[in-house]
C-alpha cells in the first residue's frame, strides 16, 4: 500500500508522519488489497479549538473508496479516531463482500446482519440542462438544498455541488478510469 501524507496550513513533522504510518499503515492488515492511503492533516481556524486539527484519510481498494475524517484538539487523537472509524468501515466492507458471494450461511449471526439492508425506495427523474457552476450554486440556494446535481457546461459532465461544513462549496466530478 502506498501511503501519502500531506499537510494543509502546517508542516508535517517527521514524528507526526511516523505516527500516521504506524496507525494508518496497519489498515492493510485488515484489507490486504488496499493500493493507496492518502492522509491530509489540516490546521483550521475554528471557533471551537477542540475541532481545529483535522485528519482526512482516503483509502483506495480495487476501484472502491473508503473515507474517514475526524477533528480534535490534537492530531494524535484525531488519527486514532479516524483509524478506528476506518477499521469499522473495512469490517463492514468485507462483510458485504463476503455476504454477497453466496457462500452459504455463517454459523454466528451478528446484530448488524439481522438489521434490514437499506433499499432504494424512491427514484427521481429531472432535467439537467447545461449550466455553469455559479448558476448551480444559485439554483441550490434557491431550492434550499445541501447538494445539487447538474450537467456542468464547462466540463461537459454530470457534477454534484454540495455545501461543506465550513460554509463553502464542494464539487464532485466523475474521474475517467
N, C-alpha and C. Protein backbone atom coordinates (compact mmCIF):
# COMPACT_ATOMS: atom_id res chain seq x y z
N UNK A 1 0.84 -1.17 0.00
CA UNK A 1 0.00 0.00 0.00
C UNK A 1 0.89 1.24 0.00
N UNK A 2 0.55 2.17 -0.88
CA UNK A 2 1.28 3.42 -0.94
C UNK A 2 0.62 4.41 0.03
N UNK A 3 1.40 4.99 0.92
CA UNK A 3 0.89 5.93 1.92
C UNK A 3 1.40 7.32 1.59
N UNK A 4 0.47 8.25 1.38
CA UNK A 4 0.81 9.63 1.04
C UNK A 4 0.31 10.52 2.16
N UNK A 5 1.22 11.24 2.81
CA UNK A 5 0.87 12.13 3.92
C UNK A 5 1.15 13.56 3.49
N UNK A 6 0.13 14.42 3.63
CA UNK A 6 0.32 15.83 3.28
C UNK A 6 -0.27 16.72 4.37
N UNK A 7 0.18 17.95 4.39
CA UNK A 7 -0.29 18.91 5.38
C UNK A 7 -0.92 20.11 4.72
N UNK A 8 -1.94 20.65 5.37
CA UNK A 8 -2.60 21.85 4.87
C UNK A 8 -2.52 22.88 5.99
N UNK A 9 -1.90 23.98 5.74
CA UNK A 9 -1.68 25.05 6.73
C UNK A 9 -0.71 24.63 7.83
N UNK A 10 0.11 23.63 7.58
CA UNK A 10 1.12 23.22 8.54
C UNK A 10 2.19 22.39 7.87
N UNK A 11 3.34 22.33 8.48
CA UNK A 11 4.45 21.48 8.04
C UNK A 11 4.36 20.19 8.85
N UNK A 12 4.27 19.04 8.16
CA UNK A 12 4.13 17.76 8.85
C UNK A 12 5.50 17.33 9.38
N UNK A 13 5.61 17.18 10.70
CA UNK A 13 6.88 16.79 11.31
C UNK A 13 7.16 15.31 11.05
N UNK A 14 8.40 14.92 11.18
CA UNK A 14 8.77 13.51 11.00
C UNK A 14 8.06 12.63 12.03
N UNK A 15 7.97 13.14 13.27
CA UNK A 15 7.30 12.36 14.32
C UNK A 15 5.84 12.11 13.98
N UNK A 16 5.15 13.15 13.49
CA UNK A 16 3.75 13.02 13.13
C UNK A 16 3.58 12.10 11.92
N UNK A 17 4.49 12.20 10.96
CA UNK A 17 4.44 11.33 9.78
C UNK A 17 4.65 9.86 10.20
N UNK A 18 5.57 9.62 11.11
CA UNK A 18 5.79 8.26 11.61
C UNK A 18 4.55 7.73 12.33
N UNK A 19 3.90 8.60 13.10
CA UNK A 19 2.70 8.19 13.83
C UNK A 19 1.58 7.81 12.85
N UNK A 20 1.43 8.61 11.78
CA UNK A 20 0.42 8.30 10.75
C UNK A 20 0.76 6.96 10.10
N UNK A 21 2.02 6.75 9.75
CA UNK A 21 2.42 5.49 9.11
C UNK A 21 2.15 4.30 10.02
N UNK A 22 2.38 4.48 11.32
CA UNK A 22 2.14 3.40 12.29
C UNK A 22 0.65 3.07 12.37
N UNK A 23 -0.19 4.10 12.50
CA UNK A 23 -1.63 3.88 12.70
C UNK A 23 -2.36 3.52 11.40
N UNK A 24 -2.15 4.29 10.36
CA UNK A 24 -2.87 4.07 9.10
C UNK A 24 -2.24 2.93 8.32
N UNK A 25 -0.94 2.75 8.46
CA UNK A 25 -0.24 1.68 7.76
C UNK A 25 -0.72 0.29 8.15
N UNK A 26 -1.23 0.15 9.38
CA UNK A 26 -1.68 -1.18 9.81
C UNK A 26 -3.05 -1.55 9.24
N UNK A 27 -3.73 -0.62 8.57
CA UNK A 27 -5.04 -0.92 7.99
C UNK A 27 -4.94 -1.96 6.88
N UNK A 28 -3.78 -2.04 6.22
CA UNK A 28 -3.65 -3.04 5.15
C UNK A 28 -3.60 -4.47 5.71
N UNK A 29 -3.43 -4.61 7.03
CA UNK A 29 -3.55 -5.94 7.63
C UNK A 29 -4.99 -6.43 7.58
N UNK A 30 -5.92 -5.49 7.72
CA UNK A 30 -7.35 -5.84 7.69
C UNK A 30 -7.87 -6.00 6.28
N UNK A 31 -7.27 -5.27 5.34
CA UNK A 31 -7.69 -5.33 3.94
C UNK A 31 -6.43 -5.29 3.08
N UNK A 32 -5.83 -6.48 2.82
CA UNK A 32 -4.54 -6.53 2.12
C UNK A 32 -4.56 -6.00 0.69
N UNK A 33 -5.75 -5.84 0.10
CA UNK A 33 -5.82 -5.37 -1.28
C UNK A 33 -5.81 -3.85 -1.40
N UNK A 34 -5.60 -3.12 -0.29
CA UNK A 34 -5.51 -1.67 -0.36
C UNK A 34 -4.33 -1.26 -1.23
N UNK A 35 -4.57 -0.32 -2.13
CA UNK A 35 -3.50 0.12 -3.02
C UNK A 35 -2.92 1.47 -2.61
N UNK A 36 -3.76 2.32 -1.99
CA UNK A 36 -3.29 3.66 -1.66
C UNK A 36 -4.02 4.20 -0.45
N UNK A 37 -3.31 4.94 0.37
CA UNK A 37 -3.91 5.66 1.50
C UNK A 37 -3.40 7.10 1.44
N UNK A 38 -4.32 8.04 1.31
CA UNK A 38 -3.97 9.46 1.31
C UNK A 38 -4.42 10.05 2.64
N UNK A 39 -3.49 10.66 3.34
CA UNK A 39 -3.78 11.27 4.64
C UNK A 39 -3.48 12.75 4.54
N UNK A 40 -4.50 13.57 4.85
CA UNK A 40 -4.30 15.01 4.86
C UNK A 40 -4.51 15.52 6.27
N UNK A 41 -3.48 16.15 6.80
CA UNK A 41 -3.54 16.76 8.13
C UNK A 41 -3.73 18.25 7.91
N UNK A 42 -4.78 18.81 8.52
CA UNK A 42 -5.07 20.22 8.30
C UNK A 42 -5.24 20.94 9.63
N UNK A 43 -4.78 22.15 9.65
CA UNK A 43 -4.95 23.03 10.80
C UNK A 43 -5.90 24.12 10.36
N UNK A 44 -7.11 24.15 10.96
CA UNK A 44 -8.13 25.10 10.55
C UNK A 44 -8.40 26.11 11.65
N UNK A 45 -8.75 27.31 11.25
CA UNK A 45 -9.17 28.32 12.21
C UNK A 45 -10.65 28.14 12.47
N UNK A 46 -10.98 27.62 13.64
CA UNK A 46 -12.37 27.40 14.00
C UNK A 46 -12.68 28.10 15.31
N UNK A 47 -13.97 28.32 15.56
CA UNK A 47 -14.39 28.92 16.83
C UNK A 47 -14.09 27.98 17.98
N UNK A 48 -14.25 26.69 17.72
CA UNK A 48 -14.03 25.68 18.74
C UNK A 48 -12.61 25.11 18.57
N UNK A 49 -11.73 25.40 19.51
CA UNK A 49 -10.34 24.95 19.41
C UNK A 49 -10.22 23.44 19.43
N UNK A 50 -11.22 22.76 20.02
CA UNK A 50 -11.19 21.30 20.08
C UNK A 50 -11.46 20.67 18.71
N UNK A 51 -11.82 21.49 17.74
CA UNK A 51 -12.13 20.99 16.40
C UNK A 51 -11.14 21.51 15.35
N UNK A 52 -10.04 22.11 15.77
CA UNK A 52 -9.16 22.81 14.84
C UNK A 52 -8.21 21.91 14.07
N UNK A 53 -7.93 20.72 14.56
CA UNK A 53 -6.99 19.83 13.87
C UNK A 53 -7.78 18.71 13.20
N UNK A 54 -7.66 18.65 11.90
CA UNK A 54 -8.49 17.76 11.09
C UNK A 54 -7.62 16.73 10.39
N UNK A 55 -8.05 15.47 10.42
CA UNK A 55 -7.36 14.39 9.71
C UNK A 55 -8.36 13.76 8.75
N UNK A 56 -8.03 13.78 7.46
CA UNK A 56 -8.86 13.15 6.44
C UNK A 56 -8.05 12.02 5.82
N UNK A 57 -8.66 10.83 5.73
CA UNK A 57 -7.98 9.68 5.15
C UNK A 57 -8.86 9.11 4.04
N UNK A 58 -8.25 8.88 2.89
CA UNK A 58 -8.94 8.25 1.77
C UNK A 58 -8.18 6.98 1.40
N UNK A 59 -8.88 5.85 1.44
CA UNK A 59 -8.29 4.57 1.10
C UNK A 59 -8.83 4.11 -0.25
N UNK A 60 -7.96 3.63 -1.11
CA UNK A 60 -8.37 3.10 -2.41
C UNK A 60 -8.12 1.59 -2.43
N UNK A 61 -9.15 0.87 -2.89
CA UNK A 61 -9.07 -0.58 -2.91
C UNK A 61 -9.81 -1.11 -4.14
N UNK A 62 -9.08 -1.42 -5.18
CA UNK A 62 -9.66 -2.03 -6.38
C UNK A 62 -10.93 -1.31 -6.86
N UNK A 63 -10.84 -0.01 -7.02
CA UNK A 63 -11.99 0.75 -7.52
C UNK A 63 -12.95 1.23 -6.44
N UNK A 64 -12.82 0.76 -5.23
CA UNK A 64 -13.66 1.21 -4.13
C UNK A 64 -12.89 2.23 -3.30
N UNK A 65 -13.63 3.17 -2.72
CA UNK A 65 -13.00 4.20 -1.89
C UNK A 65 -13.64 4.17 -0.51
N UNK A 66 -12.81 4.15 0.51
CA UNK A 66 -13.25 4.27 1.89
C UNK A 66 -12.67 5.58 2.41
N UNK A 67 -13.48 6.36 3.14
CA UNK A 67 -13.02 7.66 3.57
C UNK A 67 -13.44 7.92 5.01
N UNK A 68 -12.56 8.58 5.75
CA UNK A 68 -12.86 8.96 7.11
C UNK A 68 -12.28 10.31 7.43
N UNK A 69 -12.97 11.05 8.30
CA UNK A 69 -12.49 12.37 8.72
C UNK A 69 -12.79 12.52 10.21
N UNK A 70 -11.83 13.04 10.93
CA UNK A 70 -12.00 13.29 12.36
C UNK A 70 -11.37 14.61 12.72
N UNK A 71 -11.94 15.27 13.72
CA UNK A 71 -11.45 16.55 14.23
C UNK A 71 -11.16 16.40 15.71
N UNK A 72 -10.13 17.08 16.16
CA UNK A 72 -9.78 17.00 17.58
C UNK A 72 -8.91 18.19 17.94
N UNK A 73 -8.58 18.28 19.24
CA UNK A 73 -7.69 19.34 19.71
C UNK A 73 -6.23 19.00 19.41
N UNK A 74 -5.93 17.71 19.21
CA UNK A 74 -4.56 17.34 18.81
C UNK A 74 -4.61 16.24 17.76
N UNK A 75 -3.57 16.21 16.93
CA UNK A 75 -3.54 15.31 15.79
C UNK A 75 -3.54 13.84 16.19
N UNK A 76 -2.85 13.48 17.27
CA UNK A 76 -2.78 12.06 17.63
C UNK A 76 -4.16 11.50 17.96
N UNK A 77 -4.98 12.28 18.67
CA UNK A 77 -6.33 11.82 18.99
C UNK A 77 -7.17 11.69 17.71
N UNK A 78 -7.03 12.65 16.80
CA UNK A 78 -7.78 12.59 15.55
C UNK A 78 -7.33 11.41 14.69
N UNK A 79 -6.03 11.13 14.67
CA UNK A 79 -5.51 9.99 13.89
C UNK A 79 -6.02 8.69 14.48
N UNK A 80 -6.01 8.57 15.82
CA UNK A 80 -6.53 7.37 16.47
C UNK A 80 -8.00 7.17 16.13
N UNK A 81 -8.79 8.24 16.21
CA UNK A 81 -10.23 8.15 15.96
C UNK A 81 -10.53 7.78 14.52
N UNK A 82 -9.81 8.38 13.56
CA UNK A 82 -10.07 8.07 12.16
C UNK A 82 -9.61 6.66 11.83
N UNK A 83 -8.55 6.19 12.48
CA UNK A 83 -8.09 4.82 12.27
C UNK A 83 -9.15 3.82 12.75
N UNK A 84 -9.73 4.11 13.90
CA UNK A 84 -10.80 3.26 14.42
C UNK A 84 -12.03 3.26 13.51
N UNK A 85 -12.39 4.45 13.03
CA UNK A 85 -13.53 4.59 12.13
C UNK A 85 -13.32 3.79 10.85
N UNK A 86 -12.11 3.87 10.29
CA UNK A 86 -11.82 3.16 9.05
C UNK A 86 -11.76 1.65 9.26
N UNK A 87 -11.31 1.22 10.43
CA UNK A 87 -11.31 -0.21 10.74
C UNK A 87 -12.74 -0.75 10.71
N UNK A 88 -13.68 0.00 11.27
CA UNK A 88 -15.09 -0.41 11.25
C UNK A 88 -15.62 -0.41 9.82
N UNK A 89 -15.25 0.59 9.03
CA UNK A 89 -15.70 0.64 7.64
C UNK A 89 -15.16 -0.56 6.86
N UNK A 90 -13.91 -0.92 7.11
CA UNK A 90 -13.31 -2.07 6.43
C UNK A 90 -14.06 -3.35 6.82
N UNK A 91 -14.39 -3.50 8.10
CA UNK A 91 -15.17 -4.67 8.53
C UNK A 91 -16.51 -4.75 7.82
N UNK A 92 -17.21 -3.60 7.73
CA UNK A 92 -18.50 -3.58 7.02
C UNK A 92 -18.30 -3.91 5.55
N UNK A 93 -17.28 -3.33 4.94
CA UNK A 93 -17.00 -3.57 3.53
C UNK A 93 -16.71 -5.04 3.28
N UNK A 94 -15.87 -5.64 4.11
CA UNK A 94 -15.53 -7.05 3.94
C UNK A 94 -16.76 -7.93 4.18
N UNK A 95 -17.60 -7.55 5.13
CA UNK A 95 -18.81 -8.31 5.41
C UNK A 95 -19.77 -8.29 4.24
N UNK A 96 -19.94 -7.14 3.64
CA UNK A 96 -20.83 -7.03 2.48
C UNK A 96 -20.32 -7.83 1.31
N UNK A 97 -19.00 -7.76 1.09
CA UNK A 97 -18.41 -8.56 0.01
C UNK A 97 -18.60 -10.04 0.27
N UNK A 98 -18.38 -10.45 1.52
CA UNK A 98 -18.48 -11.87 1.87
C UNK A 98 -19.92 -12.36 1.74
N UNK A 99 -20.88 -11.58 2.25
CA UNK A 99 -22.29 -11.97 2.16
C UNK A 99 -22.77 -11.99 0.73
N UNK A 100 -22.21 -11.11 -0.12
CA UNK A 100 -22.67 -11.01 -1.49
C UNK A 100 -22.21 -12.15 -2.38
N UNK A 101 -21.30 -12.96 -1.92
CA UNK A 101 -20.76 -14.01 -2.78
C UNK A 101 -21.59 -15.28 -2.76
N UNK A 102 -22.53 -15.38 -1.84
CA UNK A 102 -23.39 -16.56 -1.79
C UNK A 102 -22.65 -17.82 -1.39
N UNK A 103 -21.78 -17.72 -0.40
CA UNK A 103 -21.01 -18.88 0.03
C UNK A 103 -21.71 -19.61 1.17
N UNK A 104 -23.01 -19.45 1.27
CA UNK A 104 -23.74 -20.17 2.32
C UNK A 104 -23.89 -19.35 3.57
N UNK A 105 -24.59 -19.92 4.54
CA UNK A 105 -24.84 -19.25 5.80
C UNK A 105 -23.64 -19.31 6.71
N UNK A 106 -23.46 -18.27 7.49
CA UNK A 106 -22.45 -18.29 8.52
C UNK A 106 -23.08 -18.83 9.79
N UNK A 107 -22.27 -19.40 10.63
CA UNK A 107 -22.81 -20.00 11.84
C UNK A 107 -23.26 -18.95 12.84
N UNK A 108 -22.47 -17.90 13.05
CA UNK A 108 -22.86 -16.88 14.02
C UNK A 108 -23.54 -15.73 13.31
N UNK A 109 -24.55 -15.15 13.93
CA UNK A 109 -25.27 -14.03 13.37
C UNK A 109 -25.07 -12.83 14.27
N UNK A 110 -24.58 -11.74 13.70
CA UNK A 110 -24.39 -10.54 14.49
C UNK A 110 -25.62 -9.65 14.37
N UNK A 111 -25.69 -8.64 15.21
CA UNK A 111 -26.82 -7.71 15.19
C UNK A 111 -26.89 -6.99 13.85
N UNK A 112 -25.73 -6.65 13.29
CA UNK A 112 -25.71 -5.93 12.03
C UNK A 112 -26.33 -6.76 10.91
N UNK A 113 -26.12 -8.06 10.91
CA UNK A 113 -26.66 -8.91 9.85
C UNK A 113 -28.17 -9.09 9.99
N UNK A 114 -28.70 -8.92 11.20
CA UNK A 114 -30.13 -9.10 11.41
C UNK A 114 -30.92 -7.87 10.97
N UNK A 115 -30.28 -6.70 10.92
CA UNK A 115 -30.96 -5.49 10.51
C UNK A 115 -31.25 -5.54 9.02
N UNK A 116 -32.39 -4.98 8.60
CA UNK A 116 -32.70 -4.98 7.17
C UNK A 116 -31.72 -4.11 6.40
N UNK A 117 -31.40 -4.53 5.21
CA UNK A 117 -30.48 -3.79 4.35
C UNK A 117 -31.22 -2.60 3.76
N UNK A 118 -30.63 -1.39 3.82
CA UNK A 118 -31.30 -0.22 3.22
C UNK A 118 -31.51 -0.45 1.73
N UNK A 119 -32.65 0.02 1.24
CA UNK A 119 -33.00 -0.17 -0.16
C UNK A 119 -33.36 1.16 -0.79
N UNK A 120 -33.30 1.22 -2.10
CA UNK A 120 -33.74 2.41 -2.83
C UNK A 120 -35.27 2.38 -2.83
N UNK A 121 -35.89 3.39 -2.24
CA UNK A 121 -37.35 3.40 -2.14
C UNK A 121 -37.98 4.47 -3.02
N UNK A 122 -37.14 5.32 -3.63
CA UNK A 122 -37.67 6.36 -4.49
C UNK A 122 -36.65 6.69 -5.56
N UNK A 123 -37.13 6.84 -6.79
CA UNK A 123 -36.29 7.27 -7.90
C UNK A 123 -36.88 8.55 -8.43
N UNK A 124 -36.03 9.54 -8.64
CA UNK A 124 -36.50 10.85 -9.09
C UNK A 124 -35.80 11.19 -10.40
N UNK A 125 -36.56 11.53 -11.41
CA UNK A 125 -36.02 11.95 -12.70
C UNK A 125 -36.14 13.46 -12.81
N UNK A 126 -35.11 14.11 -13.35
CA UNK A 126 -35.17 15.55 -13.54
C UNK A 126 -34.27 15.92 -14.71
N UNK A 127 -34.59 17.05 -15.31
CA UNK A 127 -33.80 17.54 -16.43
C UNK A 127 -32.52 18.19 -15.91
N UNK A 128 -31.45 18.01 -16.67
CA UNK A 128 -30.19 18.64 -16.30
C UNK A 128 -29.65 19.41 -17.50
N UNK A 129 -30.23 20.60 -17.72
CA UNK A 129 -29.69 21.40 -18.83
C UNK A 129 -28.28 21.87 -18.48
N UNK A 130 -27.42 22.06 -19.49
CA UNK A 130 -26.05 22.51 -19.20
C UNK A 130 -26.05 23.89 -18.55
N UNK A 131 -25.42 23.99 -17.36
CA UNK A 131 -25.31 25.27 -16.66
C UNK A 131 -23.90 25.40 -16.10
N UNK A 132 -23.56 26.60 -15.67
CA UNK A 132 -22.24 26.84 -15.09
C UNK A 132 -22.28 26.52 -13.60
N UNK A 133 -21.11 26.48 -12.98
CA UNK A 133 -21.03 26.20 -11.54
C UNK A 133 -21.71 27.31 -10.74
N UNK A 134 -21.56 28.56 -11.17
CA UNK A 134 -22.19 29.69 -10.48
C UNK A 134 -23.71 29.57 -10.54
N UNK A 135 -24.25 29.20 -11.72
CA UNK A 135 -25.69 29.01 -11.84
C UNK A 135 -26.17 27.85 -10.96
N UNK A 136 -25.36 26.82 -10.82
CA UNK A 136 -25.72 25.69 -9.97
C UNK A 136 -25.78 26.12 -8.50
N UNK A 137 -24.84 26.97 -8.07
CA UNK A 137 -24.86 27.48 -6.69
C UNK A 137 -26.15 28.28 -6.46
N UNK A 138 -26.48 29.16 -7.41
CA UNK A 138 -27.71 29.95 -7.28
C UNK A 138 -28.93 29.05 -7.19
N UNK A 139 -28.99 28.02 -8.04
CA UNK A 139 -30.13 27.11 -8.07
C UNK A 139 -30.23 26.33 -6.75
N UNK A 140 -29.09 25.87 -6.24
CA UNK A 140 -29.08 25.13 -4.98
C UNK A 140 -29.57 26.02 -3.84
N UNK A 141 -29.11 27.27 -3.81
CA UNK A 141 -29.53 28.20 -2.77
C UNK A 141 -31.03 28.49 -2.87
N UNK A 142 -31.54 28.65 -4.09
CA UNK A 142 -32.97 28.90 -4.27
C UNK A 142 -33.81 27.73 -3.77
N UNK A 143 -33.32 26.51 -4.00
CA UNK A 143 -34.05 25.32 -3.57
C UNK A 143 -33.90 25.06 -2.07
N UNK A 144 -32.83 25.61 -1.46
CA UNK A 144 -32.58 25.38 -0.04
C UNK A 144 -32.03 24.00 0.24
N UNK A 145 -31.37 23.40 -0.74
CA UNK A 145 -30.80 22.05 -0.57
C UNK A 145 -29.34 22.13 -0.15
N UNK A 146 -28.82 20.99 0.34
CA UNK A 146 -27.41 20.90 0.70
C UNK A 146 -26.56 20.39 -0.46
N UNK A 147 -27.19 19.90 -1.51
CA UNK A 147 -26.46 19.42 -2.68
C UNK A 147 -27.29 19.68 -3.91
N UNK A 148 -26.64 19.64 -5.08
CA UNK A 148 -27.33 19.88 -6.34
C UNK A 148 -26.60 19.13 -7.44
N UNK A 149 -27.33 18.33 -8.20
CA UNK A 149 -26.77 17.56 -9.32
C UNK A 149 -27.06 18.35 -10.60
N UNK A 150 -26.03 18.53 -11.42
CA UNK A 150 -26.22 19.31 -12.64
C UNK A 150 -25.24 18.87 -13.72
N UNK A 151 -25.56 19.24 -14.98
CA UNK A 151 -24.65 19.00 -16.09
C UNK A 151 -23.79 20.24 -16.24
N UNK A 152 -22.49 20.09 -15.98
CA UNK A 152 -21.55 21.21 -15.99
C UNK A 152 -21.21 21.57 -17.43
N UNK A 153 -21.63 22.75 -17.84
CA UNK A 153 -21.43 23.21 -19.22
C UNK A 153 -19.94 23.29 -19.56
N UNK A 154 -19.12 23.79 -18.62
CA UNK A 154 -17.70 23.99 -18.90
C UNK A 154 -16.93 22.67 -18.96
N UNK A 155 -17.33 21.70 -18.17
CA UNK A 155 -16.58 20.44 -18.09
C UNK A 155 -17.22 19.32 -18.93
N UNK A 156 -18.48 19.52 -19.35
CA UNK A 156 -19.15 18.53 -20.19
C UNK A 156 -19.45 17.23 -19.48
N UNK A 157 -19.79 17.30 -18.18
CA UNK A 157 -20.07 16.08 -17.42
C UNK A 157 -21.05 16.40 -16.29
N UNK A 158 -21.68 15.36 -15.78
CA UNK A 158 -22.56 15.49 -14.62
C UNK A 158 -21.68 15.75 -13.40
N UNK A 159 -22.02 16.75 -12.61
CA UNK A 159 -21.30 17.09 -11.37
C UNK A 159 -22.28 17.17 -10.23
N UNK A 160 -21.76 17.07 -9.01
CA UNK A 160 -22.56 17.26 -7.81
C UNK A 160 -21.93 18.40 -7.02
N UNK A 161 -22.72 19.40 -6.73
CA UNK A 161 -22.30 20.54 -5.93
C UNK A 161 -22.86 20.32 -4.53
N UNK A 162 -22.06 20.55 -3.49
CA UNK A 162 -22.56 20.36 -2.13
C UNK A 162 -22.02 21.44 -1.20
N UNK A 163 -22.77 21.68 -0.13
CA UNK A 163 -22.35 22.66 0.87
C UNK A 163 -21.50 21.96 1.91
N UNK A 164 -20.31 22.50 2.18
CA UNK A 164 -19.40 21.94 3.17
C UNK A 164 -19.73 22.47 4.55
N UNK A 165 -19.25 21.79 5.58
CA UNK A 165 -19.50 22.21 6.96
C UNK A 165 -18.92 23.59 7.25
N UNK A 166 -17.87 23.99 6.53
CA UNK A 166 -17.26 25.29 6.78
C UNK A 166 -17.98 26.43 6.05
N UNK A 167 -19.10 26.13 5.37
CA UNK A 167 -19.88 27.15 4.69
C UNK A 167 -19.51 27.33 3.22
N UNK A 168 -18.40 26.76 2.78
CA UNK A 168 -18.00 26.83 1.38
C UNK A 168 -18.71 25.73 0.60
N UNK A 169 -18.34 25.58 -0.66
CA UNK A 169 -18.95 24.57 -1.52
C UNK A 169 -17.91 23.56 -1.96
N UNK A 170 -18.36 22.36 -2.25
CA UNK A 170 -17.52 21.33 -2.82
C UNK A 170 -18.13 20.89 -4.14
N UNK A 171 -17.31 20.38 -5.03
CA UNK A 171 -17.76 19.92 -6.33
C UNK A 171 -17.24 18.50 -6.55
N UNK A 172 -18.14 17.60 -6.86
CA UNK A 172 -17.76 16.22 -7.16
C UNK A 172 -17.84 16.02 -8.66
N UNK A 173 -16.73 15.58 -9.23
CA UNK A 173 -16.66 15.33 -10.66
C UNK A 173 -16.33 13.85 -10.90
N UNK A 174 -16.88 13.27 -11.95
CA UNK A 174 -16.51 11.89 -12.26
C UNK A 174 -15.06 11.83 -12.75
N UNK A 175 -14.36 10.79 -12.35
CA UNK A 175 -12.99 10.59 -12.78
C UNK A 175 -12.97 9.52 -13.85
N UNK A 176 -12.31 9.80 -14.94
CA UNK A 176 -12.24 8.81 -16.03
C UNK A 176 -11.27 7.73 -15.62
N UNK A 177 -11.72 6.49 -15.69
CA UNK A 177 -10.90 5.36 -15.28
C UNK A 177 -10.33 4.66 -16.47
